[in-house]
Amino acid sequence: MERSLLQRIEAFLKESHMPPSVFGRAAVHDPRLVSDLRGGREPGHQLICRVEHFMNLWRADFHAGRVARQGDRRVREGGAA
């Protein structure tokens, strides 16, 4: 059984340690993408293709050593500011 786009995105977010809003902005210039999909938004074919393309490129760049897992930039090492 094929996984839904949201399930594939959720797996990617865990893999990349990327916050959902950062993912949406980087993939399709929509920081609310993941939140909207979680709320029931139905993606069209073009959106699915753009998101899949972004995830595939990121994985290729990660395996080639050109990008690293991001983590949440709001949390700084060393505790509170």
PDB file of N, CA and C in Angstrom:
ATOM      1  N   MET A   1       0.838  -1.184   0.000  1.00  0.00           N
ATOM      2  CA  MET A   1       0.000   0.000   0.000  1.00  0.00           C
ATOM      3  C   MET A   1       0.883   1.247   0.000  1.00  0.00           C
ATOM      4  N   GLU A   2       0.561   2.182  -0.857  1.00  0.00           N
ATOM      5  CA  GLU A   2       1.361   3.399  -0.976  1.00  0.00           C
ATOM      6  C   GLU A   2       1.055   4.346   0.180  1.00  0.00           C
ATOM      7  N   ARG A   3       2.112   4.924   0.720  1.00  0.00           N
ATOM      8  CA  ARG A   3       1.934   5.884   1.807  1.00  0.00           C
ATOM      9  C   ARG A   3       1.465   7.223   1.239  1.00  0.00           C
ATOM     10  N   SER A   4       0.719   7.967   2.037  1.00  0.00           N
ATOM     11  CA  SER A   4       0.241   9.279   1.604  1.00  0.00           C
ATOM     12  C   SER A   4       1.407  10.270   1.595  1.00  0.00           C
ATOM     13  N   LEU A   5       1.186  11.393   0.941  1.00  0.00           N
ATOM     14  CA  LEU A   5       2.211  12.436   0.913  1.00  0.00           C
ATOM     15  C   LEU A   5       2.551  12.868   2.334  1.00  0.00           C
ATOM     16  N   LEU A   6       1.546  13.044   3.171  1.00  0.00           N
ATOM     17  CA  LEU A   6       1.808  13.471   4.541  1.00  0.00           C
ATOM     18  C   LEU A   6       2.664  12.454   5.285  1.00  0.00           C
ATOM     19  N   GLN A   7       2.407  11.176   5.100  1.00  0.00           N
ATOM     20  CA  GLN A   7       3.226  10.156   5.757  1.00  0.00           C
ATOM     21  C   GLN A   7       4.668  10.215   5.264  1.00  0.00           C
ATOM     22  N   ARG A   8       4.859  10.439   3.975  1.00  0.00           N
ATOM     23  CA  ARG A   8       6.225  10.546   3.433  1.00  0.00           C
ATOM     24  C   ARG A   8       6.922  11.798   3.958  1.00  0.00           C
ATOM     25  N   ILE A   9       6.176  12.891   4.091  1.00  0.00           N
ATOM     26  CA  ILE A   9       6.753  14.119   4.642  1.00  0.00           C
ATOM     27  C   ILE A   9       7.123  13.923   6.105  1.00  0.00           C
ATOM     28  N   GLU A  10       6.249  13.307   6.877  1.00  0.00           N
ATOM     29  CA  GLU A  10       6.535  13.072   8.301  1.00  0.00           C
ATOM     30  C   GLU A  10       7.807  12.236   8.460  1.00  0.00           C
ATOM     31  N   ALA A  11       7.975  11.217   7.629  1.00  0.00           N
ATOM     32  CA  ALA A  11       9.190  10.393   7.686  1.00  0.00           C
ATOM     33  C   ALA A  11      10.411  11.235   7.314  1.00  0.00           C
ATOM     34  N   PHE A  12      10.262  12.107   6.320  1.00  0.00           N
ATOM     35  CA  PHE A  12      11.365  12.971   5.909  1.00  0.00           C
ATOM     36  C   PHE A  12      11.739  13.939   7.024  1.00  0.00           C
ATOM     37  N   LEU A  13      10.749  14.500   7.707  1.00  0.00           N
ATOM     38  CA  LEU A  13      11.030  15.442   8.793  1.00  0.00           C
ATOM     39  C   LEU A  13      11.842  14.776   9.893  1.00  0.00           C
ATOM     40  N   LYS A  14      11.516  13.532  10.214  1.00  0.00           N
ATOM     41  CA  LYS A  14      12.298  12.796  11.217  1.00  0.00           C
ATOM     42  C   LYS A  14      13.711  12.526  10.714  1.00  0.00           C
ATOM     43  N   GLU A  15      13.811  12.140   9.453  1.00  0.00           N
ATOM     44  CA  GLU A  15      15.112  11.824   8.851  1.00  0.00           C
ATOM     45  C   GLU A  15      16.019  13.041   8.793  1.00  0.00           C
ATOM     46  N   SER A  16      15.467  14.175   8.415  1.00  0.00           N
ATOM     47  CA  SER A  16      16.268  15.381   8.200  1.00  0.00           C
ATOM     48  C   SER A  16      16.378  16.274   9.428  1.00  0.00           C
ATOM     49  N   HIS A  17      15.564  16.004  10.453  1.00  0.00           N
ATOM     50  CA  HIS A  17      15.495  16.839  11.657  1.00  0.00           C
ATOM     51  C   HIS A  17      15.080  18.261  11.299  1.00  0.00           C
ATOM     52  N   MET A  18      14.269  18.404  10.264  1.00  0.00           N
ATOM     53  CA  MET A  18      13.855  19.708   9.767  1.00  0.00           C
ATOM     54  C   MET A  18      12.489  20.069  10.368  1.00  0.00           C
ATOM     55  N   PRO A  19      12.347  21.273  10.905  1.00  0.00           N
ATOM     56  CA  PRO A  19      11.035  21.695  11.397  1.00  0.00           C
ATOM     57  C   PRO A  19      10.027  21.790  10.248  1.00  0.00           C
ATOM     58  N   PRO A  20       8.759  21.529  10.509  1.00  0.00           N
ATOM     59  CA  PRO A  20       7.753  21.542   9.443  1.00  0.00           C
ATOM     60  C   PRO A  20       7.668  22.854   8.671  1.00  0.00           C
ATOM     61  N   SER A  21       7.753  23.983   9.365  1.00  0.00           N
ATOM     62  CA  SER A  21       7.642  25.265   8.659  1.00  0.00           C
ATOM     63  C   SER A  21       8.841  25.509   7.749  1.00  0.00           C
ATOM     64  N   VAL A  22      10.021  25.086   8.177  1.00  0.00           N
ATOM     65  CA  VAL A  22      11.222  25.232   7.350  1.00  0.00           C
ATOM     66  C   VAL A  22      11.083  24.346   6.114  1.00  0.00           C
ATOM     67  N   PHE A  23      10.574  23.135   6.301  1.00  0.00           N
ATOM     68  CA  PHE A  23      10.360  22.233   5.174  1.00  0.00           C
ATOM     69  C   PHE A  23       9.402  22.845   4.161  1.00  0.00           C
ATOM     70  N   GLY A  24       8.261  23.312   4.624  1.00  0.00           N
ATOM     71  CA  GLY A  24       7.267  23.880   3.709  1.00  0.00           C
ATOM     72  C   GLY A  24       7.800  25.073   2.943  1.00  0.00           C
ATOM     73  N   ARG A  25       8.528  25.939   3.643  1.00  0.00           N
ATOM     74  CA  ARG A  25       9.086  27.121   2.989  1.00  0.00           C
ATOM     75  C   ARG A  25      10.139  26.712   1.951  1.00  0.00           C
ATOM     76  N   ALA A  26      10.996  25.767   2.291  1.00  0.00           N
ATOM     77  CA  ALA A  26      12.056  25.340   1.364  1.00  0.00           C
ATOM     78  C   ALA A  26      11.497  24.563   0.178  1.00  0.00           C
ATOM     79  N   ALA A  27      10.493  23.733   0.418  1.00  0.00           N
ATOM     80  CA  ALA A  27       9.975  22.867  -0.644  1.00  0.00           C
ATOM     81  C   ALA A  27       9.058  23.603  -1.607  1.00  0.00           C
ATOM     82  N   VAL A  28       8.131  24.400  -1.078  1.00  0.00           N
ATOM     83  CA  VAL A  28       7.120  25.019  -1.939  1.00  0.00           C
ATOM     84  C   VAL A  28       6.788  26.461  -1.549  1.00  0.00           C
ATOM     85  N   HIS A  29       7.658  27.098  -0.785  1.00  0.00           N
ATOM     86  CA  HIS A  29       7.458  28.494  -0.358  1.00  0.00           C
ATOM     87  C   HIS A  29       6.165  28.672   0.432  1.00  0.00           C
ATOM     88  N   ASP A  30       5.812  27.669   1.241  1.00  0.00           N
ATOM     89  CA  ASP A  30       4.583  27.715   2.049  1.00  0.00           C
ATOM     90  C   ASP A  30       4.884  27.155   3.432  1.00  0.00           C
ATOM     91  N   PRO A  31       5.173  28.026   4.415  1.00  0.00           N
ATOM     92  CA  PRO A  31       5.520  27.535   5.745  1.00  0.00           C
ATOM     93  C   PRO A  31       4.380  26.799   6.444  1.00  0.00           C
ATOM     94  N   ARG A  32       3.143  26.944   5.974  1.00  0.00           N
ATOM     95  CA  ARG A  32       1.999  26.268   6.588  1.00  0.00           C
ATOM     96  C   ARG A  32       1.655  24.949   5.905  1.00  0.00           C
ATOM     97  N   LEU A  33       2.440  24.528   4.946  1.00  0.00           N
ATOM     98  CA  LEU A  33       2.131  23.323   4.171  1.00  0.00           C
ATOM     99  C   LEU A  33       1.856  22.117   5.060  1.00  0.00           C
ATOM    100  N   VAL A  34       2.783  21.771   5.927  1.00  0.00           N
ATOM    101  CA  VAL A  34       2.637  20.562   6.743  1.00  0.00           C
ATOM    102  C   VAL A  34       1.446  20.711   7.681  1.00  0.00           C
ATOM    103  N   SER A  35       1.299  21.867   8.281  1.00  0.00           N
ATOM    104  CA  SER A  35       0.163  22.108   9.161  1.00  0.00           C
ATOM    105  C   SER A  35      -1.157  21.950   8.409  1.00  0.00           C
ATOM    106  N   ASP A  36      -1.226  22.491   7.204  1.00  0.00           N
ATOM    107  CA  ASP A  36      -2.446  22.374   6.399  1.00  0.00           C
ATOM    108  C   ASP A  36      -2.715  20.929   6.002  1.00  0.00           C
ATOM    109  N   LEU A  37      -1.673  20.188   5.634  1.00  0.00           N
ATOM    110  CA  LEU A  37      -1.852  18.780   5.273  1.00  0.00           C
ATOM    111  C   LEU A  37      -2.326  17.978   6.481  1.00  0.00           C
ATOM    112  N   ARG A  38      -1.770  18.279   7.645  1.00  0.00           N
ATOM    113  CA  ARG A  38      -2.205  17.611   8.871  1.00  0.00           C
ATOM    114  C   ARG A  38      -3.671  17.923   9.178  1.00  0.00           C
ATOM    115  N   GLY A  39      -4.120  19.106   8.738  1.00  0.00           N
ATOM    116  CA  GLY A  39      -5.495  19.524   8.957  1.00  0.00           C
ATOM    117  C   GLY A  39      -6.470  19.050   7.891  1.00  0.00           C
ATOM    118  N   GLY A  40      -5.964  18.310   6.905  1.00  0.00           N
ATOM    119  CA  GLY A  40      -6.857  17.740   5.900  1.00  0.00           C
ATOM    120  C   GLY A  40      -6.732  18.300   4.498  1.00  0.00           C
ATOM    121  N   ARG A  41      -5.816  19.221   4.265  1.00  0.00           N
ATOM    122  CA  ARG A  41      -5.630  19.768   2.919  1.00  0.00           C
ATOM    123  C   ARG A  41      -5.292  18.647   1.947  1.00  0.00           C
ATOM    124  N   GLU A  42      -5.942  18.657   0.800  1.00  0.00           N
ATOM    125  CA  GLU A  42      -5.683  17.667  -0.243  1.00  0.00           C
ATOM    126  C   GLU A  42      -4.708  18.258  -1.263  1.00  0.00           C
ATOM    127  N   PRO A  43      -3.513  17.694  -1.387  1.00  0.00           N
ATOM    128  CA  PRO A  43      -2.530  18.245  -2.325  1.00  0.00           C
ATOM    129  C   PRO A  43      -2.854  17.860  -3.765  1.00  0.00           C
ATOM    130  N   GLY A  44      -2.571  18.773  -4.666  1.00  0.00           N
ATOM    131  CA  GLY A  44      -2.730  18.493  -6.088  1.00  0.00           C
ATOM    132  C   GLY A  44      -1.483  17.795  -6.632  1.00  0.00           C
ATOM    133  N   HIS A  45      -1.574  17.372  -7.880  1.00  0.00           N
ATOM    134  CA  HIS A  45      -0.470  16.633  -8.506  1.00  0.00           C
ATOM    135  C   HIS A  45       0.808  17.465  -8.566  1.00  0.00           C
ATOM    136  N   GLN A  46       0.694  18.740  -8.932  1.00  0.00           N
ATOM    137  CA  GLN A  46       1.880  19.594  -9.048  1.00  0.00           C
ATOM    138  C   GLN A  46       2.560  19.775  -7.690  1.00  0.00           C
ATOM    139  N   LEU A  47       1.769  19.966  -6.640  1.00  0.00           N
ATOM    140  CA  LEU A  47       2.338  20.120  -5.298  1.00  0.00           C
ATOM    141  C   LEU A  47       3.059  18.848  -4.867  1.00  0.00           C
ATOM    142  N   ILE A  48       2.441  17.705  -5.122  1.00  0.00           N
ATOM    143  CA  ILE A  48       3.065  16.428  -4.776  1.00  0.00           C
ATOM    144  C   ILE A  48       4.407  16.288  -5.491  1.00  0.00           C
ATOM    145  N   CYS A  49       4.444  16.628  -6.766  1.00  0.00           N
ATOM    146  CA  CYS A  49       5.694  16.525  -7.538  1.00  0.00           C
ATOM    147  C   CYS A  49       6.761  17.454  -6.990  1.00  0.00           C
ATOM    148  N   ARG A  50       6.396  18.683  -6.642  1.00  0.00           N
ATOM    149  CA  ARG A  50       7.374  19.637  -6.110  1.00  0.00           C
ATOM    150  C   ARG A  50       7.940  19.168  -4.780  1.00  0.00           C
ATOM    151  N   VAL A  51       7.072  18.651  -3.909  1.00  0.00           N
ATOM    152  CA  VAL A  51       7.511  18.175  -2.590  1.00  0.00           C
ATOM    153  C   VAL A  51       8.418  16.958  -2.736  1.00  0.00           C
ATOM    154  N   GLU A  52       8.018  15.995  -3.573  1.00  0.00           N
ATOM    155  CA  GLU A  52       8.840  14.798  -3.796  1.00  0.00           C
ATOM    156  C   GLU A  52      10.203  15.173  -4.376  1.00  0.00           C
ATOM    157  N   HIS A  53      10.205  16.122  -5.308  1.00  0.00           N
ATOM    158  CA  HIS A  53      11.453  16.567  -5.926  1.00  0.00           C
ATOM    159  C   HIS A  53      12.381  17.167  -4.865  1.00  0.00           C
ATOM    160  N   PHE A  54      11.826  18.020  -4.003  1.00  0.00           N
ATOM    161  CA  PHE A  54      12.631  18.627  -2.941  1.00  0.00           C
ATOM    162  C   PHE A  54      13.238  17.561  -2.032  1.00  0.00           C
ATOM    163  N   MET A  55      12.414  16.597  -1.597  1.00  0.00           N
ATOM    164  CA  MET A  55      12.917  15.558  -0.690  1.00  0.00           C
ATOM    165  C   MET A  55      13.995  14.713  -1.369  1.00  0.00           C
ATOM    166  N   ASN A  56      13.799  14.373  -2.632  1.00  0.00           N
ATOM    167  CA  ASN A  56      14.800  13.587  -3.363  1.00  0.00           C
ATOM    168  C   ASN A  56      16.109  14.347  -3.523  1.00  0.00           C
ATOM    169  N   LEU A  57      16.032  15.635  -3.855  1.00  0.00           N
ATOM    170  CA  LEU A  57      17.254  16.444  -3.974  1.00  0.00           C
ATOM    171  C   LEU A  57      17.970  16.561  -2.635  1.00  0.00           C
ATOM    172  N   TRP A  58      17.210  16.779  -1.556  1.00  0.00           N
ATOM    173  CA  TRP A  58      17.830  16.916  -0.242  1.00  0.00           C
ATOM    174  C   TRP A  58      18.553  15.630   0.136  1.00  0.00           C
ATOM    175  N   ARG A  59      17.903  14.482  -0.108  1.00  0.00           N
ATOM    176  CA  ARG A  59      18.537  13.199   0.221  1.00  0.00           C
ATOM    177  C   ARG A  59      19.807  12.986  -0.596  1.00  0.00           C
ATOM    178  N   ALA A  60      19.776  13.320  -1.879  1.00  0.00           N
ATOM    179  CA  ALA A  60      20.964  13.173  -2.720  1.00  0.00           C
ATOM    180  C   ALA A  60      22.083  14.079  -2.212  1.00  0.00           C
ATOM    181  N   ASP A  61      21.740  15.325  -1.863  1.00  0.00           N
ATOM    182  CA  ASP A  61      22.742  16.253  -1.331  1.00  0.00           C
ATOM    183  C   ASP A  61      23.268  15.778   0.020  1.00  0.00           C
ATOM    184  N   PHE A  62      22.408  15.213   0.853  1.00  0.00           N
ATOM    185  CA  PHE A  62      22.832  14.711   2.157  1.00  0.00           C
ATOM    186  C   PHE A  62      23.826  13.562   1.993  1.00  0.00           C
ATOM    187  N   HIS A  63      23.498  12.633   1.116  1.00  0.00           N
ATOM    188  CA  HIS A  63      24.394  11.486   0.910  1.00  0.00           C
ATOM    189  C   HIS A  63      25.703  11.893   0.247  1.00  0.00           C
ATOM    190  N   ALA A  64      25.689  12.988  -0.489  1.00  0.00           N
ATOM    191  CA  ALA A  64      26.910  13.498  -1.110  1.00  0.00           C
ATOM    192  C   ALA A  64      27.684  14.406  -0.158  1.00  0.00           C
ATOM    193  N   GLY A  65      27.129  14.694   1.018  1.00  0.00           N
ATOM    194  CA  GLY A  65      27.824  15.515   2.001  1.00  0.00           C
ATOM    195  C   GLY A  65      27.659  17.007   1.795  1.00  0.00           C
ATOM    196  N   ARG A  66      26.700  17.422   0.955  1.00  0.00           N
ATOM    197  CA  ARG A  66      26.519  18.850   0.677  1.00  0.00           C
ATOM    198  C   ARG A  66      25.577  19.544   1.648  1.00  0.00           C
ATOM    199  N   VAL A  67      24.747  18.786   2.368  1.00  0.00           N
ATOM    200  CA  VAL A  67      23.864  19.353   3.400  1.00  0.00           C
ATOM    201  C   VAL A  67      23.940  18.477   4.639  1.00  0.00           C
ATOM    202  N   ALA A  68      23.544  19.051   5.757  1.00  0.00           N
ATOM    203  CA  ALA A  68      23.519  18.305   7.019  1.00  0.00           C
ATOM    204  C   ALA A  68      22.118  18.368   7.594  1.00  0.00           C
ATOM    205  N   ARG A  69      21.842  17.481   8.523  1.00  0.00           N
ATOM    206  CA  ARG A  69      20.562  17.551   9.222  1.00  0.00           C
ATOM    207  C   ARG A  69      20.495  18.882   9.942  1.00  0.00           C
ATOM    208  N   GLN A  70      19.343  19.514   9.895  1.00  0.00           N
ATOM    209  CA  GLN A  70      19.217  20.872  10.395  1.00  0.00           C
ATOM    210  C   GLN A  70      18.945  20.985  11.875  1.00  0.00           C
ATOM    211  N   GLY A  71      17.977  20.265  12.360  1.00  0.00           N
ATOM    212  CA  GLY A  71      17.529  20.486  13.719  1.00  0.00           C
ATOM    213  C   GLY A  71      16.716  21.765  13.771  1.00  0.00           C
ATOM    214  N   ASP A  72      16.272  22.116  14.929  1.00  0.00           N
ATOM    215  CA  ASP A  72      15.458  23.304  15.112  1.00  0.00           C
ATOM    216  C   ASP A  72      16.374  24.460  15.501  1.00  0.00           C
ATOM    217  N   ARG A  73      16.454  25.462  14.645  1.00  0.00           N
ATOM    218  CA  ARG A  73      17.351  26.583  14.891  1.00  0.00           C
ATOM    219  C   ARG A  73      16.928  27.440  16.081  1.00  0.00           C
ATOM    220  N   ARG A  74      15.663  27.296  16.504  1.00  0.00           N
ATOM    221  CA  ARG A  74      15.207  28.082  17.656  1.00  0.00           C
ATOM    222  C   ARG A  74      15.850  27.614  18.948  1.00  0.00           C
ATOM    223  N   VAL A  75      16.312  26.370  18.962  1.00  0.00           N
ATOM    224  CA  VAL A  75      16.951  25.811  20.149  1.00  0.00           C
ATOM    225  C   VAL A  75      18.459  25.922  19.967  1.00  0.00           C
ATOM    226  N   ARG A  76      19.061  26.724  20.801  1.00  0.00           N
ATOM    227  CA  ARG A  76      20.504  26.949  20.696  1.00  0.00           C
ATOM    228  C   ARG A  76      21.244  26.024  21.672  1.00  0.00           C
ATOM    229  N   GLU A  77      22.425  25.627  21.268  1.00  0.00           N
ATOM    230  CA  GLU A  77      23.256  24.814  22.155  1.00  0.00           C
ATOM    231  C   GLU A  77      23.721  25.690  23.317  1.00  0.00           C
ATOM    232  N   GLY A  78      23.809  25.090  24.491  1.00  0.00           N
ATOM    233  CA  GLY A  78      24.297  25.829  25.647  1.00  0.00           C
ATOM    234  C   GLY A  78      23.186  26.415  26.513  1.00  0.00           C
ATOM    235  N   GLY A  79      21.942  26.095  26.202  1.00  0.00           N
ATOM    236  CA  GLY A  79      20.849  26.546  27.074  1.00  0.00           C
ATOM    237  C   GLY A  79      20.196  27.818  26.587  1.00  0.00           C
ATOM    238  N   ALA A  80      19.469  28.453  27.485  1.00  0.00           N
ATOM    239  CA  ALA A  80      18.687  29.656  27.148  1.00  0.00           C
ATOM    240  C   ALA A  80      19.606  30.852  26.969  1.00  0.00           C
ATOM    241  N   ALA A  81      19.103  31.834  26.229  1.00  0.00           N
ATOM    242  CA  ALA A  81      19.891  33.041  25.940  1.00  0.00           C
ATOM    243  C   ALA A  81      19.889  33.991  27.085  1.00  0.00           C
TER     244      ALA A  81
END
